[in-house]
Amino acid sequence: MTPLRKRMIEELQLRNLCTTTKESYISAVERFARHFNQSPERLGPEKVREYLLHLANDRKVGTNTMLFNRAALRFVYVNTLKQKWFDDEIARPKRRPTLPPTLSAEEVTRILNRTYNLKHWTIIATFYATALRCNELRHLRVTDLDSKRMVIHVRHGKGGVAREIALSPALLERLRVYFRWRRPVDWLFCSKQRQSEPLDNGTIRTLCRNAGKRASIGRPVFPHLFRHACATHMLDAGADLRTIQVLLGHADIRSTARYLNVSLQRLQAVRSPFDALQLQPIDHSQDDGRQR
């Protein structure tokens, strides 16, 4: 381990950032160093700027990915190397609000009906039934399922914030089938090769992507898509925003409010003021085409 990597890990630990953030920051800085085949200590703001332009123009990454890489590089330069030039020299990409992608109930059903591996099926069903993030699901332990109180304890929430969410009775029935077959001891979804460890993110993303292909979804399917679908369909069913905020573990309800824009039933339920106008019927146009 290089001295810079060691110092960066220590700085991340001091700030008590979650494991996923720490690992992702370190990986982002590693990719930056490999791109130039030099340590970040020997690279300045021009190289950071060049790298971010490479991500935008050559790799065609989205704004969120750009912002994340910028944040990781800012951390290593400002917090680890104690350099102050970053914010003045490196422009911050403007984040444009986007609608969360989602799946229809029919598409979720098709994905599940065409997933024949019981472990994979249970993982996807749990994503949709609970709206858990990928890292939250992979860190579920057997003891986190409380069938008496019908709740799931989420101990590895984003930002290290734990929460409890309702356990669906239908999901519990399916989980019991999975339990009888797999008999998990510690992790609910452990690695096949390393049973003392949870499944890694890459494996979960791959099984979701393959499930989407089997169901002919026509676009990439990833774990967060089921989270978006769960939130949107709960809104369609009449759940209030505050309840969904707690379920999703959002710190700011504005993040939850984005789902109002993709809830089809709510959009269709809103009447246009045009509908209330008492207009005469139109059978044909009496306009002769002349401008007056």
Protein backbone atom coordinates (compact mmCIF):
# COMPACT_ATOMS: atom_id res chain seq x y z
CA MET A 1 0.00 0.00 0.00
CA THR A 2 1.40 3.38 -1.02
CA PRO A 3 1.74 6.16 1.60
CA LEU A 4 -0.83 8.27 -0.31
CA ARG A 5 -3.40 5.46 -0.35
CA LYS A 6 -2.83 4.85 3.36
CA ARG A 7 -3.29 8.55 4.17
CA MET A 8 -6.43 8.74 2.05
CA ILE A 9 -7.96 5.71 3.79
CA GLU A 10 -7.19 7.29 7.16
CA GLU A 11 -8.82 10.57 6.15
CA LEU A 12 -11.92 8.67 4.96
CA GLN A 13 -12.04 6.78 8.26
CA LEU A 14 -11.77 9.99 10.28
CA ARG A 15 -14.88 11.31 8.51
CA ASN A 16 -16.75 8.05 9.20
CA LEU A 17 -17.90 7.73 5.60
CA CYS A 18 -19.78 4.57 4.67
CA THR A 19 -17.85 1.61 3.28
CA THR A 20 -19.30 1.99 -0.22
CA THR A 21 -18.25 5.66 -0.44
CA LYS A 22 -14.75 4.87 0.81
CA GLU A 23 -14.27 2.05 -1.68
CA SER A 24 -15.71 4.10 -4.55
CA TYR A 25 -13.51 7.14 -3.79
CA ILE A 26 -10.39 5.00 -3.67
CA SER A 27 -11.32 3.26 -6.95
CA ALA A 28 -11.95 6.64 -8.66
CA VAL A 29 -8.54 7.95 -7.61
CA GLU A 30 -6.90 4.69 -8.75
CA ARG A 31 -8.48 5.07 -12.22
CA PHE A 32 -7.23 8.65 -12.39
CA ALA A 33 -3.68 7.57 -11.48
CA ARG A 34 -3.71 4.68 -13.99
CA HIS A 35 -4.92 7.01 -16.75
CA PHE A 36 -1.70 9.05 -16.47
CA ASN A 37 0.41 6.21 -15.03
CA GLN A 38 1.50 8.56 -12.23
CA SER A 39 0.67 9.21 -8.61
CA PRO A 40 -1.83 12.06 -7.99
CA GLU A 41 0.93 13.72 -5.94
CA ARG A 42 2.74 14.40 -9.21
CA LEU A 43 -0.30 15.62 -11.10
CA GLY A 44 -1.78 19.11 -10.90
CA PRO A 45 -5.07 20.85 -11.72
CA GLU A 46 -4.49 20.75 -15.47
CA LYS A 47 -4.32 16.95 -15.38
CA VAL A 48 -7.50 16.78 -13.28
CA ARG A 49 -9.22 19.03 -15.79
CA GLU A 50 -7.91 16.91 -18.68
CA TYR A 51 -9.14 13.72 -17.01
CA LEU A 52 -12.66 15.07 -16.40
CA LEU A 53 -12.85 16.19 -20.03
CA HIS A 54 -11.75 12.68 -21.03
CA LEU A 55 -14.63 11.22 -19.00
CA ALA A 56 -17.11 13.63 -20.59
CA ASN A 57 -15.93 13.51 -24.21
CA ASP A 58 -14.35 10.07 -24.64
CA ARG A 59 -16.13 7.93 -22.06
CA LYS A 60 -19.47 9.79 -22.48
CA VAL A 61 -20.27 9.48 -18.76
CA GLY A 62 -23.28 11.22 -17.26
CA THR A 63 -23.28 14.29 -15.04
CA ASN A 64 -23.64 12.28 -11.83
CA THR A 65 -20.57 10.19 -12.69
CA MET A 66 -18.64 13.36 -13.51
CA LEU A 67 -19.64 14.89 -10.18
CA PHE A 68 -18.66 11.75 -8.29
CA ASN A 69 -15.21 11.57 -9.88
CA ARG A 70 -14.69 15.27 -9.23
CA ALA A 71 -15.68 14.76 -5.58
CA ALA A 72 -13.25 11.84 -5.19
CA LEU A 73 -10.38 13.80 -6.74
CA ARG A 74 -11.24 16.85 -4.67
CA PHE A 75 -11.06 14.68 -1.56
CA VAL A 76 -7.60 13.33 -2.32
CA TYR A 77 -6.19 16.75 -3.19
CA VAL A 78 -7.89 18.91 -0.56
CA ASN A 79 -8.29 16.51 2.37
CA THR A 80 -5.35 14.17 1.84
CA LEU A 81 -2.71 16.27 0.06
CA LYS A 82 -3.93 19.53 1.69
CA GLN A 83 -3.98 21.51 -1.55
CA LYS A 84 -6.37 24.46 -1.82
CA TRP A 85 -6.48 25.06 -5.57
CA PHE A 86 -9.25 22.62 -6.41
CA ASP A 87 -12.49 24.63 -6.23
CA ASP A 88 -10.98 27.66 -8.00
CA GLU A 89 -9.38 25.70 -10.83
CA ILE A 90 -11.76 22.80 -11.49
CA ALA A 91 -15.25 23.75 -12.70
CA ARG A 92 -18.16 21.87 -11.15
CA PRO A 93 -20.56 20.40 -13.76
CA LYS A 94 -24.09 21.70 -13.46
CA ARG A 95 -26.53 19.03 -12.40
CA ARG A 96 -29.73 19.07 -14.44
CA PRO A 97 -32.79 17.51 -12.82
CA THR A 98 -33.79 14.25 -14.46
CA LEU A 99 -36.75 11.93 -14.05
CA PRO A 100 -35.92 8.64 -12.31
CA PRO A 101 -36.16 5.70 -14.74
CA THR A 102 -38.63 3.04 -13.76
CA LEU A 103 -40.30 -0.22 -14.77
CA SER A 104 -43.98 -0.95 -15.19
CA ALA A 105 -45.65 -3.60 -13.02
CA GLU A 106 -45.98 -5.75 -16.15
CA GLU A 107 -42.23 -5.51 -16.80
CA VAL A 108 -41.38 -6.43 -13.20
CA THR A 109 -43.71 -9.43 -13.47
CA ARG A 110 -42.10 -10.49 -16.75
CA ILE A 111 -38.61 -10.23 -15.27
CA LEU A 112 -39.56 -12.38 -12.27
CA ASN A 113 -41.44 -14.95 -14.35
CA ARG A 114 -38.40 -15.41 -16.58
CA THR A 115 -35.89 -15.70 -13.74
CA TYR A 116 -35.44 -19.40 -12.97
CA ASN A 117 -32.58 -19.29 -10.46
CA LEU A 118 -34.29 -19.16 -7.03
CA LYS A 119 -31.55 -17.07 -5.42
CA HIS A 120 -31.61 -14.53 -8.26
CA TRP A 121 -35.42 -14.49 -8.21
CA THR A 122 -35.47 -13.79 -4.46
CA ILE A 123 -32.91 -10.98 -4.80
CA ILE A 124 -34.94 -9.23 -7.52
CA ALA A 125 -38.21 -9.75 -5.62
CA THR A 126 -36.61 -8.28 -2.48
CA PHE A 127 -35.40 -5.24 -4.42
CA TYR A 128 -38.89 -4.54 -5.72
CA ALA A 129 -40.74 -5.31 -2.48
CA THR A 130 -38.46 -3.22 -0.24
CA ALA A 131 -36.95 -0.49 -2.48
CA LEU A 132 -33.56 -1.25 -0.92
CA ARG A 133 -30.36 0.09 -2.41
CA CYS A 134 -27.93 -2.51 -3.74
CA ASN A 135 -25.48 -2.09 -0.86
CA GLU A 136 -28.32 -2.26 1.67
CA LEU A 137 -29.62 -5.52 0.24
CA ARG A 138 -26.24 -7.22 0.00
CA HIS A 139 -25.55 -6.45 3.68
CA LEU A 140 -28.82 -7.93 4.94
CA ARG A 141 -28.27 -10.60 7.55
CA VAL A 142 -30.68 -13.39 8.45
CA THR A 143 -31.23 -11.72 11.83
CA ASP A 144 -32.34 -8.48 10.11
CA LEU A 145 -35.65 -10.12 9.14
CA ASP A 146 -38.14 -9.86 11.99
CA SER A 147 -41.16 -11.98 11.01
CA LYS A 148 -42.90 -11.38 14.35
CA ARG A 149 -42.98 -7.61 13.95
CA MET A 150 -43.00 -7.89 10.13
CA VAL A 151 -40.12 -5.47 9.68
CA ILE A 152 -36.69 -5.51 8.06
CA HIS A 153 -33.81 -3.86 9.89
CA VAL A 154 -31.65 -1.92 7.42
CA ARG A 155 -28.38 -1.47 9.29
CA HIS A 156 -26.24 -0.28 6.38
CA GLY A 157 -28.29 2.63 5.06
CA LYS A 158 -26.79 5.45 3.04
CA GLY A 159 -24.67 7.72 5.21
CA GLY A 160 -24.62 5.07 7.92
CA VAL A 161 -28.24 5.82 8.89
CA ALA A 162 -30.16 2.71 9.99
CA ARG A 163 -33.92 2.35 9.53
CA GLU A 164 -36.74 -0.17 9.68
CA ILE A 165 -39.10 -0.93 6.80
CA ALA A 166 -42.20 -3.10 6.51
CA LEU A 167 -41.76 -6.74 5.54
CA SER A 168 -44.25 -7.72 2.84
CA PRO A 169 -46.24 -10.88 3.76
CA ALA A 170 -45.99 -12.07 0.14
CA LEU A 171 -42.23 -11.54 0.16
CA LEU A 172 -41.95 -13.37 3.50
CA GLU A 173 -43.61 -16.43 1.98
CA ARG A 174 -41.11 -16.43 -0.87
CA LEU A 175 -38.20 -15.84 1.51
CA ARG A 176 -39.25 -18.92 3.49
CA VAL A 177 -39.04 -20.99 0.29
CA TYR A 178 -35.55 -19.59 -0.28
CA PHE A 179 -34.60 -20.33 3.36
CA ARG A 180 -35.67 -23.96 3.10
CA TRP A 181 -33.57 -24.38 -0.02
CA ARG A 182 -30.48 -22.30 0.73
CA ARG A 183 -30.49 -22.33 4.55
CA PRO A 184 -28.46 -19.11 4.95
CA VAL A 185 -26.66 -18.79 8.28
CA ASP A 186 -25.29 -15.25 8.45
CA TRP A 187 -25.68 -13.20 5.28
CA LEU A 188 -29.08 -13.46 3.62
CA PHE A 189 -27.44 -13.51 0.18
CA CYS A 190 -23.89 -14.77 0.62
CA SER A 191 -21.24 -15.26 -2.04
CA LYS A 192 -21.20 -18.72 -3.60
CA GLN A 193 -17.41 -18.89 -3.56
CA ARG A 194 -16.90 -17.12 -0.20
CA GLN A 195 -19.86 -18.00 1.99
CA SER A 196 -18.55 -15.92 4.90
CA GLU A 197 -18.97 -12.79 2.74
CA PRO A 198 -22.02 -11.13 1.14
CA LEU A 199 -22.52 -11.06 -2.62
CA ASP A 200 -20.54 -8.29 -4.27
CA ASN A 201 -22.17 -5.42 -6.14
CA GLY A 202 -20.89 -6.61 -9.51
CA THR A 203 -22.54 -10.01 -9.21
CA ILE A 204 -25.89 -8.45 -8.25
CA ARG A 205 -25.75 -5.97 -11.12
CA THR A 206 -24.92 -8.75 -13.58
CA LEU A 207 -27.84 -10.94 -12.51
CA CYS A 208 -30.23 -7.96 -12.82
CA ARG A 209 -28.89 -7.12 -16.27
CA ASN A 210 -29.23 -10.73 -17.44
CA ALA A 211 -32.76 -10.94 -16.02
CA GLY A 212 -33.72 -7.86 -18.02
CA LYS A 213 -32.32 -9.38 -21.20
CA ARG A 214 -34.26 -12.62 -20.70
CA ALA A 215 -37.44 -10.60 -20.25
CA SER A 216 -36.69 -8.54 -23.41
CA ILE A 217 -36.99 -5.25 -21.51
CA GLY A 218 -35.13 -3.35 -24.24
CA ARG A 219 -32.99 -1.20 -21.92
CA PRO A 220 -30.41 -1.95 -19.22
CA VAL A 221 -31.90 -3.30 -15.98
CA PHE A 222 -30.00 -2.51 -12.79
CA PRO A 223 -30.81 -2.79 -9.05
CA HIS A 224 -31.86 0.84 -8.58
CA LEU A 225 -34.49 0.44 -11.29
CA PHE A 226 -36.54 -1.79 -8.96
CA ARG A 227 -36.22 0.83 -6.20
CA HIS A 228 -37.61 3.48 -8.56
CA ALA A 229 -40.40 1.11 -9.62
CA CYS A 230 -41.39 0.35 -6.02
CA ALA A 231 -41.59 4.05 -5.09
CA THR A 232 -43.56 4.96 -8.23
CA HIS A 233 -46.04 2.10 -7.85
CA MET A 234 -46.58 2.94 -4.17
CA LEU A 235 -47.47 6.49 -5.18
CA ASP A 236 -49.86 5.11 -7.78
CA ALA A 237 -51.48 3.02 -5.03
CA GLY A 238 -52.08 6.11 -2.89
CA ALA A 239 -49.14 6.11 -0.45
CA ASP A 240 -48.12 9.55 0.82
CA LEU A 241 -44.71 11.10 0.17
CA ARG A 242 -43.62 11.04 3.82
CA THR A 243 -44.20 7.29 4.07
CA ILE A 244 -42.23 6.69 0.88
CA GLN A 245 -39.45 8.99 2.13
CA VAL A 246 -39.03 6.81 5.24
CA LEU A 247 -39.12 3.62 3.15
CA LEU A 248 -36.43 4.90 0.78
CA GLY A 249 -34.28 6.41 3.52
CA HIS A 250 -34.18 9.85 1.91
CA ALA A 251 -32.81 12.63 4.11
CA ASP A 252 -34.54 15.29 2.00
CA ILE A 253 -38.16 14.87 0.89
CA ARG A 254 -37.30 16.74 -2.31
CA SER A 255 -35.51 13.59 -3.46
CA THR A 256 -38.72 11.63 -2.90
CA ALA A 257 -40.86 14.26 -4.62
CA ARG A 258 -39.19 13.44 -7.96
CA TYR A 259 -41.42 10.37 -8.16
CA LEU A 260 -44.48 12.57 -8.45
CA ASN A 261 -43.31 13.34 -11.98
CA VAL A 262 -43.35 9.70 -13.06
CA SER A 263 -46.48 8.50 -11.24
CA LEU A 264 -48.75 7.98 -14.26
CA GLN A 265 -51.95 7.52 -12.29
CA ARG A 266 -51.44 10.77 -10.39
CA LEU A 267 -50.68 12.65 -13.58
CA GLN A 268 -53.78 11.26 -15.27
CA ALA A 269 -55.93 12.06 -12.23
CA VAL A 270 -55.22 15.79 -12.53
CA ARG A 271 -57.90 17.55 -14.57
CA SER A 272 -56.91 20.29 -16.98
CA PRO A 273 -58.86 23.58 -16.52
CA PHE A 274 -59.72 23.23 -20.20
CA ASP A 275 -62.03 20.34 -19.26
CA ALA A 276 -64.27 22.69 -17.24
CA LEU A 277 -64.93 25.19 -20.04
CA GLN A 278 -68.51 25.23 -21.40
CA LEU A 279 -67.68 25.35 -25.11
CA GLN A 280 -69.93 25.10 -28.12
CA PRO A 281 -69.45 21.92 -30.14
CA ILE A 282 -67.35 22.09 -33.30
CA ASP A 283 -68.45 19.98 -36.26
CA HIS A 284 -66.22 21.56 -38.90
CA SER A 285 -64.03 24.59 -39.44
CA GLN A 286 -65.73 27.82 -40.58
CA ASP A 287 -62.35 29.44 -41.18
CA ASP A 288 -61.78 30.36 -44.84
CA GLY A 289 -58.04 30.42 -44.29
CA ARG A 290 -57.62 34.20 -44.46
CA GLN A 291 -55.76 36.03 -41.74
CA ARG A 292 -57.83 38.81 -40.15
